[in-house]
N, C-alpha and C. Protein backbone atom coordinates (compact mmCIF):
# COMPACT_ATOMS: atom_id res chain seq x y z
N MET A 1 -87.85 -4.03 -7.42
CA MET A 1 -86.91 -3.33 -8.47
C MET A 1 -87.79 -2.82 -9.71
N ASN A 2 -87.36 -1.47 -9.99
CA ASN A 2 -88.25 -0.94 -10.92
C ASN A 2 -87.69 -1.38 -12.46
N GLU A 3 -88.77 -1.44 -13.30
CA GLU A 3 -88.56 -2.06 -14.53
C GLU A 3 -87.48 -1.26 -15.36
N ARG A 4 -87.30 0.00 -15.19
CA ARG A 4 -86.31 1.19 -15.80
C ARG A 4 -84.92 0.22 -15.45
N THR A 5 -84.75 -0.13 -14.29
CA THR A 5 -83.53 -0.38 -13.80
C THR A 5 -83.09 -1.99 -14.28
N ARG A 6 -84.09 -2.67 -14.42
CA ARG A 6 -83.97 -4.05 -15.12
C ARG A 6 -83.76 -4.04 -16.47
N ARG A 7 -84.53 -3.26 -17.31
CA ARG A 7 -83.98 -2.93 -18.38
C ARG A 7 -82.53 -2.45 -18.79
N ARG A 8 -82.27 -1.54 -17.90
CA ARG A 8 -80.62 -0.94 -18.03
C ARG A 8 -79.57 -2.24 -17.86
N ALA A 9 -79.88 -2.78 -16.71
CA ALA A 9 -79.15 -3.94 -16.35
C ALA A 9 -78.82 -4.98 -17.43
N GLY A 10 -80.07 -5.28 -18.27
CA GLY A 10 -80.09 -6.20 -19.14
C GLY A 10 -79.49 -5.73 -20.28
N ILE A 11 -79.73 -4.48 -20.61
CA ILE A 11 -79.10 -3.81 -21.90
C ILE A 11 -77.52 -3.67 -21.86
N THR A 12 -77.07 -3.36 -20.37
CA THR A 12 -75.70 -3.25 -20.17
C THR A 12 -75.02 -4.65 -20.23
N VAL A 13 -75.63 -5.83 -19.81
CA VAL A 13 -74.95 -7.14 -20.05
C VAL A 13 -74.90 -7.39 -21.60
N ALA A 14 -76.05 -7.25 -22.34
CA ALA A 14 -76.10 -7.39 -23.85
C ALA A 14 -74.86 -6.61 -24.30
N ALA A 15 -74.59 -5.41 -24.13
CA ALA A 15 -73.77 -4.46 -24.58
C ALA A 15 -72.23 -4.90 -24.49
N VAL A 16 -72.02 -5.44 -23.27
CA VAL A 16 -70.64 -5.84 -22.80
C VAL A 16 -70.35 -7.16 -23.49
N LEU A 17 -71.18 -8.27 -23.54
CA LEU A 17 -71.12 -9.41 -24.07
C LEU A 17 -71.03 -8.97 -25.56
N ALA A 18 -71.68 -8.38 -26.35
CA ALA A 18 -71.45 -8.00 -27.74
C ALA A 18 -70.19 -7.43 -28.02
N GLY A 19 -69.77 -6.33 -27.04
CA GLY A 19 -68.45 -5.66 -27.29
C GLY A 19 -67.22 -6.81 -27.14
N ASP A 20 -67.46 -7.75 -26.26
CA ASP A 20 -66.36 -8.68 -26.20
C ASP A 20 -66.54 -9.51 -27.41
N ALA A 21 -67.46 -9.81 -28.04
CA ALA A 21 -67.97 -10.62 -29.25
C ALA A 21 -67.08 -9.87 -30.43
N LEU A 22 -67.21 -8.69 -30.25
CA LEU A 22 -66.38 -7.68 -31.42
C LEU A 22 -64.88 -7.89 -31.36
N VAL A 23 -64.32 -7.83 -30.15
CA VAL A 23 -62.96 -8.09 -29.80
C VAL A 23 -62.73 -9.40 -30.37
N HIS A 24 -63.36 -10.48 -30.44
CA HIS A 24 -62.92 -11.87 -30.86
C HIS A 24 -62.99 -11.92 -32.31
N VAL A 25 -64.05 -10.95 -33.00
CA VAL A 25 -63.86 -10.60 -34.27
C VAL A 25 -62.54 -10.10 -34.92
N TYR A 26 -62.16 -9.12 -34.00
CA TYR A 26 -60.97 -8.51 -34.40
C TYR A 26 -59.79 -9.33 -34.20
N TRP A 27 -59.86 -10.39 -33.25
CA TRP A 27 -58.56 -11.42 -33.34
C TRP A 27 -58.80 -12.49 -34.22
N MET A 28 -59.98 -12.62 -34.68
CA MET A 28 -60.04 -13.54 -35.93
C MET A 28 -59.46 -13.14 -37.26
N THR A 29 -59.08 -11.75 -37.45
CA THR A 29 -58.21 -11.07 -38.53
C THR A 29 -57.04 -11.47 -38.40
N GLY A 30 -56.57 -11.91 -37.15
CA GLY A 30 -54.96 -12.11 -37.20
C GLY A 30 -54.47 -11.00 -36.25
N ALA A 31 -54.96 -10.22 -35.90
CA ALA A 31 -54.44 -9.12 -35.07
C ALA A 31 -54.28 -9.82 -33.52
N THR A 32 -53.31 -9.19 -33.00
CA THR A 32 -52.89 -10.00 -31.62
C THR A 32 -53.01 -8.64 -30.68
N TRP A 33 -53.29 -7.47 -30.97
CA TRP A 33 -53.14 -6.48 -29.99
C TRP A 33 -54.23 -6.63 -28.82
N PRO A 34 -53.94 -6.35 -27.63
CA PRO A 34 -52.89 -5.60 -27.22
C PRO A 34 -51.61 -6.38 -26.96
N ALA A 35 -51.45 -7.57 -27.11
CA ALA A 35 -50.25 -8.44 -27.10
C ALA A 35 -49.32 -8.25 -28.25
N ARG A 36 -48.04 -8.96 -28.15
CA ARG A 36 -47.08 -8.61 -29.04
C ARG A 36 -47.21 -9.84 -30.28
N ASP A 37 -47.70 -10.89 -29.67
CA ASP A 37 -47.98 -12.10 -30.79
C ASP A 37 -48.96 -13.07 -30.18
N PRO A 38 -49.65 -13.87 -31.15
CA PRO A 38 -50.51 -14.75 -30.66
C PRO A 38 -50.41 -15.66 -29.41
N ALA A 39 -48.96 -15.91 -28.91
CA ALA A 39 -48.72 -16.71 -27.97
C ALA A 39 -48.79 -16.00 -26.75
N ALA A 40 -48.50 -14.58 -26.86
CA ALA A 40 -48.49 -13.66 -25.54
C ALA A 40 -50.05 -13.39 -25.29
N LEU A 41 -50.86 -13.33 -26.47
CA LEU A 41 -52.27 -12.87 -26.24
C LEU A 41 -52.80 -14.07 -25.72
N SER A 42 -52.70 -15.46 -25.96
CA SER A 42 -53.27 -16.59 -25.45
C SER A 42 -53.05 -16.44 -23.84
N LEU A 43 -51.71 -16.32 -23.55
CA LEU A 43 -51.24 -16.61 -22.05
C LEU A 43 -52.05 -15.05 -21.32
N ALA A 44 -52.32 -14.13 -22.10
CA ALA A 44 -52.78 -13.11 -21.04
C ALA A 44 -54.31 -13.29 -21.09
N VAL A 45 -54.94 -13.66 -21.75
CA VAL A 45 -56.34 -13.89 -21.90
C VAL A 45 -56.86 -15.34 -21.32
N LEU A 46 -56.15 -16.27 -21.69
CA LEU A 46 -56.53 -17.80 -20.98
C LEU A 46 -55.68 -18.17 -19.90
N ASN A 47 -54.50 -17.68 -20.02
CA ASN A 47 -53.44 -18.49 -18.96
C ASN A 47 -52.86 -19.71 -19.89
N PHE A 48 -53.19 -20.00 -20.82
CA PHE A 48 -52.61 -21.21 -21.54
C PHE A 48 -52.44 -20.79 -23.04
N GLU A 49 -51.70 -21.56 -23.88
CA GLU A 49 -51.48 -21.45 -25.12
C GLU A 49 -52.53 -22.02 -25.97
N VAL A 50 -53.49 -21.26 -26.85
CA VAL A 50 -54.18 -21.88 -27.75
C VAL A 50 -54.06 -20.99 -28.99
N PRO A 51 -54.39 -21.50 -30.24
CA PRO A 51 -54.26 -20.86 -31.44
C PRO A 51 -55.43 -19.66 -31.55
N PHE A 52 -55.02 -18.80 -31.72
CA PHE A 52 -55.96 -17.54 -31.93
C PHE A 52 -56.51 -17.48 -33.22
N THR A 53 -57.09 -18.19 -33.82
CA THR A 53 -57.21 -18.55 -35.15
C THR A 53 -59.12 -18.28 -35.41
N PRO A 54 -59.48 -18.01 -36.50
CA PRO A 54 -60.94 -17.91 -36.57
C PRO A 54 -61.49 -19.32 -36.01
N ARG A 55 -61.11 -20.55 -36.37
CA ARG A 55 -61.60 -21.68 -35.86
C ARG A 55 -61.74 -21.89 -34.68
N GLY A 56 -60.63 -21.34 -33.81
CA GLY A 56 -60.50 -21.27 -32.24
C GLY A 56 -61.14 -20.32 -31.66
N LEU A 57 -61.66 -19.22 -32.33
CA LEU A 57 -62.12 -18.01 -31.53
C LEU A 57 -63.89 -18.08 -31.91
N LEU A 58 -64.11 -19.08 -32.96
CA LEU A 58 -65.47 -18.83 -33.28
C LEU A 58 -66.63 -19.51 -32.24
N ALA A 59 -66.12 -20.39 -31.53
CA ALA A 59 -66.91 -20.82 -30.44
C ALA A 59 -67.31 -19.89 -29.06
N PRO A 60 -66.14 -19.16 -28.72
CA PRO A 60 -66.38 -18.01 -27.71
C PRO A 60 -66.94 -16.85 -28.34
N PHE A 61 -66.70 -16.63 -29.86
CA PHE A 61 -67.52 -15.59 -30.16
C PHE A 61 -69.30 -15.90 -30.42
N THR A 62 -69.27 -17.21 -30.78
CA THR A 62 -70.74 -17.58 -30.84
C THR A 62 -71.58 -17.52 -29.48
N LEU A 63 -70.97 -17.98 -28.49
CA LEU A 63 -71.53 -17.77 -27.14
C LEU A 63 -71.75 -16.39 -26.70
N LEU A 64 -70.65 -15.56 -26.94
CA LEU A 64 -70.88 -14.31 -26.48
C LEU A 64 -72.12 -13.47 -27.13
N VAL A 65 -72.28 -13.91 -28.67
CA VAL A 65 -73.18 -13.27 -29.22
C VAL A 65 -74.71 -13.91 -28.98
N THR A 66 -74.75 -15.06 -28.65
CA THR A 66 -75.98 -15.88 -28.28
C THR A 66 -76.57 -15.08 -26.58
N GLY A 67 -75.33 -15.01 -25.92
CA GLY A 67 -75.72 -14.33 -24.53
C GLY A 67 -76.10 -12.95 -24.78
N SER A 68 -75.67 -12.11 -25.50
CA SER A 68 -76.23 -10.76 -25.85
C SER A 68 -77.59 -10.90 -26.47
N ALA A 69 -77.78 -11.52 -27.51
CA ALA A 69 -79.13 -11.59 -28.08
C ALA A 69 -80.39 -12.25 -27.01
N VAL A 70 -79.70 -13.17 -25.93
CA VAL A 70 -80.85 -13.52 -25.20
C VAL A 70 -81.10 -12.36 -24.23
N MET A 71 -79.90 -11.57 -23.70
CA MET A 71 -80.31 -10.61 -22.70
C MET A 71 -81.37 -9.41 -23.50
N LEU A 72 -80.81 -9.20 -24.68
CA LEU A 72 -81.91 -8.11 -25.45
C LEU A 72 -83.18 -8.74 -25.46
N ALA A 73 -83.33 -9.96 -25.80
CA ALA A 73 -84.80 -10.59 -26.21
C ALA A 73 -85.50 -10.58 -24.89
N HIS A 74 -84.76 -10.90 -23.85
CA HIS A 74 -85.30 -10.93 -22.24
C HIS A 74 -85.74 -9.51 -22.00
N VAL A 75 -84.92 -8.56 -21.98
CA VAL A 75 -85.37 -7.26 -21.71
C VAL A 75 -86.55 -6.56 -22.42
N GLY A 76 -86.47 -7.28 -23.77
CA GLY A 76 -87.42 -6.52 -24.83
C GLY A 76 -88.85 -7.54 -24.64
N GLY A 77 -88.98 -8.55 -23.67
CA GLY A 77 -90.23 -9.20 -23.54
C GLY A 77 -90.53 -10.13 -24.76
N ARG A 78 -89.36 -10.70 -25.51
CA ARG A 78 -89.58 -11.56 -26.60
C ARG A 78 -89.12 -12.69 -25.98
N LEU A 79 -88.71 -12.93 -24.91
CA LEU A 79 -88.38 -14.45 -24.55
C LEU A 79 -89.12 -14.59 -23.13
N PRO A 80 -90.37 -15.26 -23.33
CA PRO A 80 -91.27 -15.46 -22.45
C PRO A 80 -90.95 -16.95 -21.52
N GLY A 81 -91.50 -17.20 -20.56
CA GLY A 81 -91.85 -18.40 -19.84
C GLY A 81 -90.49 -19.34 -19.68
N ARG A 82 -90.65 -20.47 -19.75
CA ARG A 82 -89.30 -21.46 -19.30
C ARG A 82 -88.32 -21.16 -20.30
N ILE A 83 -88.55 -20.96 -21.32
CA ILE A 83 -87.33 -20.95 -22.55
C ILE A 83 -86.65 -19.82 -22.04
N GLY A 84 -87.20 -18.70 -21.71
CA GLY A 84 -86.64 -17.48 -21.54
C GLY A 84 -85.85 -17.53 -20.07
N ARG A 85 -86.61 -18.10 -19.22
CA ARG A 85 -85.76 -18.32 -17.94
C ARG A 85 -84.51 -19.20 -18.20
N ALA A 86 -84.79 -20.23 -18.80
CA ALA A 86 -83.56 -21.09 -18.91
C ALA A 86 -82.40 -20.33 -19.76
N ALA A 87 -82.81 -19.62 -20.68
CA ALA A 87 -81.74 -18.92 -21.42
C ALA A 87 -81.04 -17.85 -20.67
N VAL A 88 -81.81 -17.09 -19.80
CA VAL A 88 -81.24 -16.07 -19.01
C VAL A 88 -80.30 -16.83 -17.89
N GLY A 89 -81.08 -17.91 -17.64
CA GLY A 89 -80.02 -18.61 -16.56
C GLY A 89 -78.80 -19.34 -17.00
N ALA A 90 -79.00 -19.84 -18.25
CA ALA A 90 -77.53 -20.02 -19.02
C ALA A 90 -76.50 -18.96 -18.96
N VAL A 91 -77.23 -17.48 -19.36
CA VAL A 91 -76.12 -16.64 -19.35
C VAL A 91 -75.48 -16.43 -17.91
N ALA A 92 -76.53 -16.25 -16.92
CA ALA A 92 -75.99 -16.26 -15.31
C ALA A 92 -75.04 -17.22 -15.00
N ALA A 93 -75.34 -18.31 -15.45
CA ALA A 93 -74.49 -19.76 -14.91
C ALA A 93 -73.11 -19.54 -15.51
N GLY A 94 -72.97 -19.19 -16.81
CA GLY A 94 -71.71 -18.92 -17.54
C GLY A 94 -70.92 -17.84 -16.99
N LEU A 95 -71.47 -16.83 -16.61
CA LEU A 95 -70.73 -15.50 -15.85
C LEU A 95 -70.45 -16.07 -14.43
N LEU A 96 -71.26 -16.63 -13.67
CA LEU A 96 -70.86 -17.19 -12.42
C LEU A 96 -69.91 -18.13 -12.17
N ALA A 97 -69.86 -19.17 -13.26
CA ALA A 97 -68.75 -20.24 -13.47
C ALA A 97 -67.34 -19.21 -13.86
N ARG A 98 -67.46 -18.53 -14.66
CA ARG A 98 -66.15 -17.78 -14.94
C ARG A 98 -65.75 -16.91 -13.85
N GLY A 99 -66.68 -16.44 -13.12
CA GLY A 99 -66.35 -15.54 -12.17
C GLY A 99 -65.77 -16.53 -10.79
N SER A 100 -66.52 -17.52 -10.60
CA SER A 100 -65.92 -18.37 -9.64
C SER A 100 -64.46 -18.95 -9.89
N VAL A 101 -64.11 -19.29 -11.11
CA VAL A 101 -63.07 -19.77 -11.60
C VAL A 101 -61.96 -18.67 -11.59
N GLY A 102 -62.38 -17.39 -11.60
CA GLY A 102 -61.48 -16.31 -11.61
C GLY A 102 -61.16 -16.23 -10.34
N VAL A 103 -61.99 -16.41 -9.11
CA VAL A 103 -61.74 -16.14 -7.79
C VAL A 103 -60.27 -17.10 -7.36
N VAL A 104 -60.70 -18.66 -7.80
CA VAL A 104 -59.58 -19.42 -7.64
C VAL A 104 -58.27 -18.95 -8.29
N TRP A 105 -58.52 -18.49 -9.41
CA TRP A 105 -56.89 -17.88 -9.96
C TRP A 105 -56.55 -16.64 -9.30
N ALA A 106 -57.22 -15.94 -8.62
CA ALA A 106 -56.98 -14.75 -7.80
C ALA A 106 -56.36 -15.28 -6.70
N LEU A 107 -56.72 -16.42 -5.99
CA LEU A 107 -56.02 -17.03 -4.95
C LEU A 107 -54.50 -17.51 -5.44
N GLY A 108 -54.30 -17.54 -6.63
CA GLY A 108 -53.03 -18.25 -6.93
C GLY A 108 -52.86 -19.39 -7.12
N ILE A 109 -53.96 -20.08 -7.30
CA ILE A 109 -54.15 -21.42 -7.57
C ILE A 109 -54.27 -21.78 -9.23
N GLY A 110 -53.33 -22.08 -9.83
CA GLY A 110 -53.43 -22.36 -11.26
C GLY A 110 -53.07 -21.24 -12.03
N ALA A 111 -52.50 -20.20 -11.54
CA ALA A 111 -52.17 -18.93 -12.28
C ALA A 111 -50.84 -18.22 -11.39
N SER A 112 -49.93 -18.18 -12.20
CA SER A 112 -48.63 -17.48 -11.64
C SER A 112 -49.11 -16.04 -11.42
N THR A 113 -48.72 -15.61 -10.01
CA THR A 113 -49.04 -14.45 -9.64
C THR A 113 -48.33 -13.28 -10.12
N GLY A 114 -47.27 -13.41 -10.98
CA GLY A 114 -46.40 -12.55 -11.65
C GLY A 114 -46.87 -12.48 -13.06
N SER A 115 -47.77 -13.13 -13.46
CA SER A 115 -48.13 -13.02 -14.97
C SER A 115 -49.05 -11.98 -15.36
N ALA A 116 -49.32 -11.66 -16.52
CA ALA A 116 -50.23 -10.67 -17.05
C ALA A 116 -51.39 -11.07 -16.67
N PHE A 117 -51.73 -12.41 -17.00
CA PHE A 117 -53.30 -13.01 -16.87
C PHE A 117 -53.37 -12.80 -15.48
N TYR A 118 -52.75 -13.05 -14.66
CA TYR A 118 -53.10 -12.76 -13.10
C TYR A 118 -53.61 -11.60 -12.58
N ARG A 119 -52.85 -10.59 -13.32
CA ARG A 119 -53.39 -9.16 -13.18
C ARG A 119 -54.62 -8.64 -13.77
N LEU A 120 -54.70 -9.32 -15.03
CA LEU A 120 -55.86 -8.91 -15.73
C LEU A 120 -57.15 -9.65 -15.15
N ASN A 121 -56.91 -10.82 -14.74
CA ASN A 121 -58.05 -11.68 -14.08
C ASN A 121 -58.40 -10.84 -12.73
N LEU A 122 -57.35 -10.48 -12.03
CA LEU A 122 -57.70 -9.95 -10.74
C LEU A 122 -58.42 -8.34 -11.06
N CYS A 123 -58.05 -7.58 -11.89
CA CYS A 123 -58.29 -6.45 -11.93
C CYS A 123 -59.65 -6.10 -12.97
N ALA A 124 -59.73 -6.93 -13.88
CA ALA A 124 -60.78 -6.91 -14.85
C ALA A 124 -61.72 -7.89 -15.16
N TYR A 125 -61.26 -9.24 -15.37
CA TYR A 125 -61.90 -10.30 -15.99
C TYR A 125 -62.89 -10.89 -14.82
N THR A 126 -62.27 -10.95 -13.52
CA THR A 126 -63.20 -11.57 -12.42
C THR A 126 -64.31 -10.36 -12.04
N PRO A 127 -63.99 -9.20 -11.69
CA PRO A 127 -64.78 -8.46 -11.33
C PRO A 127 -65.95 -7.94 -12.46
N ALA A 128 -65.54 -8.09 -13.59
CA ALA A 128 -66.47 -7.80 -14.79
C ALA A 128 -67.56 -9.05 -14.90
N CYS A 129 -67.08 -10.34 -14.50
CA CYS A 129 -67.82 -11.28 -14.57
C CYS A 129 -68.71 -11.21 -13.52
N TRP A 130 -68.53 -11.11 -12.24
CA TRP A 130 -69.27 -10.70 -11.11
C TRP A 130 -70.32 -9.50 -11.36
N ALA A 131 -69.89 -8.60 -11.73
CA ALA A 131 -70.67 -7.56 -12.05
C ALA A 131 -71.90 -7.87 -13.03
N LEU A 132 -71.57 -8.36 -14.00
CA LEU A 132 -72.42 -8.86 -14.92
C LEU A 132 -73.36 -9.95 -14.53
N PHE A 133 -72.96 -10.81 -13.90
CA PHE A 133 -73.79 -11.54 -13.09
C PHE A 133 -74.58 -11.17 -12.16
N ALA A 134 -74.24 -10.04 -11.53
CA ALA A 134 -75.38 -9.28 -10.61
C ALA A 134 -76.34 -8.53 -11.40
N ALA A 135 -75.78 -8.34 -12.60
CA ALA A 135 -76.69 -7.42 -13.45
C ALA A 135 -77.71 -8.42 -14.13
N VAL A 136 -77.27 -9.53 -14.47
CA VAL A 136 -78.36 -10.49 -14.84
C VAL A 136 -79.31 -10.90 -13.83
N VAL A 137 -78.85 -11.22 -12.81
CA VAL A 137 -79.95 -11.20 -11.44
C VAL A 137 -80.91 -10.07 -11.31
N ILE A 138 -80.50 -9.00 -11.54
CA ILE A 138 -81.26 -7.79 -11.28
C ILE A 138 -82.31 -7.86 -12.57
N THR A 139 -81.78 -8.08 -13.62
CA THR A 139 -82.60 -8.15 -14.95
C THR A 139 -83.68 -9.37 -14.76
N SER A 140 -83.20 -10.37 -14.19
CA SER A 140 -84.04 -11.44 -14.11
C SER A 140 -85.11 -11.72 -13.01
N GLU A 141 -85.07 -10.55 -12.32
CA GLU A 141 -86.00 -10.57 -11.04
C GLU A 141 -87.46 -10.18 -11.86
N GLN A 142 -88.50 -11.00 -11.05
CA GLN A 142 -89.70 -11.04 -11.57
C GLN A 142 -90.63 -9.87 -10.65
N ARG A 143 -91.56 -9.26 -11.55
CA ARG A 143 -92.17 -8.18 -10.93
C ARG A 143 -93.38 -9.13 -10.32
N VAL A 144 -93.71 -8.54 -8.94
CA VAL A 144 -94.44 -9.14 -8.08
C VAL A 144 -96.19 -8.46 -8.25
N PRO A 145 -96.78 -9.17 -8.50
CA PRO A 145 -98.28 -8.49 -8.73
C PRO A 145 -98.73 -7.71 -7.63
N VAL A 146 -99.18 -6.29 -7.83
CA VAL A 146 -99.78 -5.46 -6.60
C VAL A 146 -100.41 -6.21 -5.49
N ARG A 147 -101.36 -7.22 -5.86
CA ARG A 147 -102.19 -7.61 -4.83
C ARG A 147 -101.39 -8.54 -3.77
N PHE A 148 -100.42 -9.10 -4.37
CA PHE A 148 -99.55 -9.78 -3.46
C PHE A 148 -98.49 -9.09 -2.58
N ARG A 149 -98.09 -8.12 -3.06
CA ARG A 149 -97.50 -6.99 -2.42
C ARG A 149 -98.22 -6.62 -1.14
N ARG A 150 -99.40 -6.36 -1.44
CA ARG A 150 -100.53 -5.79 -0.56
C ARG A 150 -100.48 -6.79 0.79
N VAL A 151 -100.73 -8.08 0.28
CA VAL A 151 -101.00 -9.13 1.56
C VAL A 151 -99.57 -9.40 2.07
N ALA A 152 -98.51 -9.15 1.35
CA ALA A 152 -97.28 -9.44 2.04
C ALA A 152 -96.91 -8.25 2.96
N ASN A 153 -97.43 -7.06 2.67
CA ASN A 153 -97.01 -5.92 3.24
C ASN A 153 -97.90 -6.05 4.83
N ARG A 154 -99.21 -6.39 4.58
CA ARG A 154 -99.94 -6.57 6.04
C ARG A 154 -99.67 -7.58 6.44
N ARG A 155 -98.50 -8.79 6.05
CA ARG A 155 -98.35 -9.85 6.99
C ARG A 155 -97.21 -9.50 7.43
N GLY A 156 -96.18 -8.22 7.18
CA GLY A 156 -95.12 -8.20 7.55
C GLY A 156 -93.90 -8.72 6.85
N MET A 157 -94.36 -9.38 5.83
CA MET A 157 -93.27 -10.12 4.77
C MET A 157 -92.69 -9.26 3.75
N SER A 158 -92.71 -7.98 3.77
CA SER A 158 -91.83 -7.43 2.66
C SER A 158 -91.08 -6.61 3.50
């Protein structure tokens, strides 16, 4: 994987997570768009009712901003070693978990197939999580030193 592709994938993940964080900030103001009221918004986004208040939105906002910062630091080379791998792994794990739960919901388990949430999950949330997970995997691929590639090529391992 070339370095340019890795950087673009990481920046894409960071941008999407930051954009989602901004949507959460918008909701913290009390706005409910695109839904008509907080209950409809909660049902469409989460499949159950929770208060869309600053207190309730602060945790997901913090996770999204942290994930975005981790990805930017990683592609910028400012997150080396074990800590960097663990942080990027945590972002990947979060996306993998949400994507996996989304597949369960897409099968109609735990989500009404006639609900707005079901359609949004099927068409937007789950595909986005899987695409972002793939981008994190691409971003986290390590470069193989040239001497090891040569040895692998001679042995037919590449």
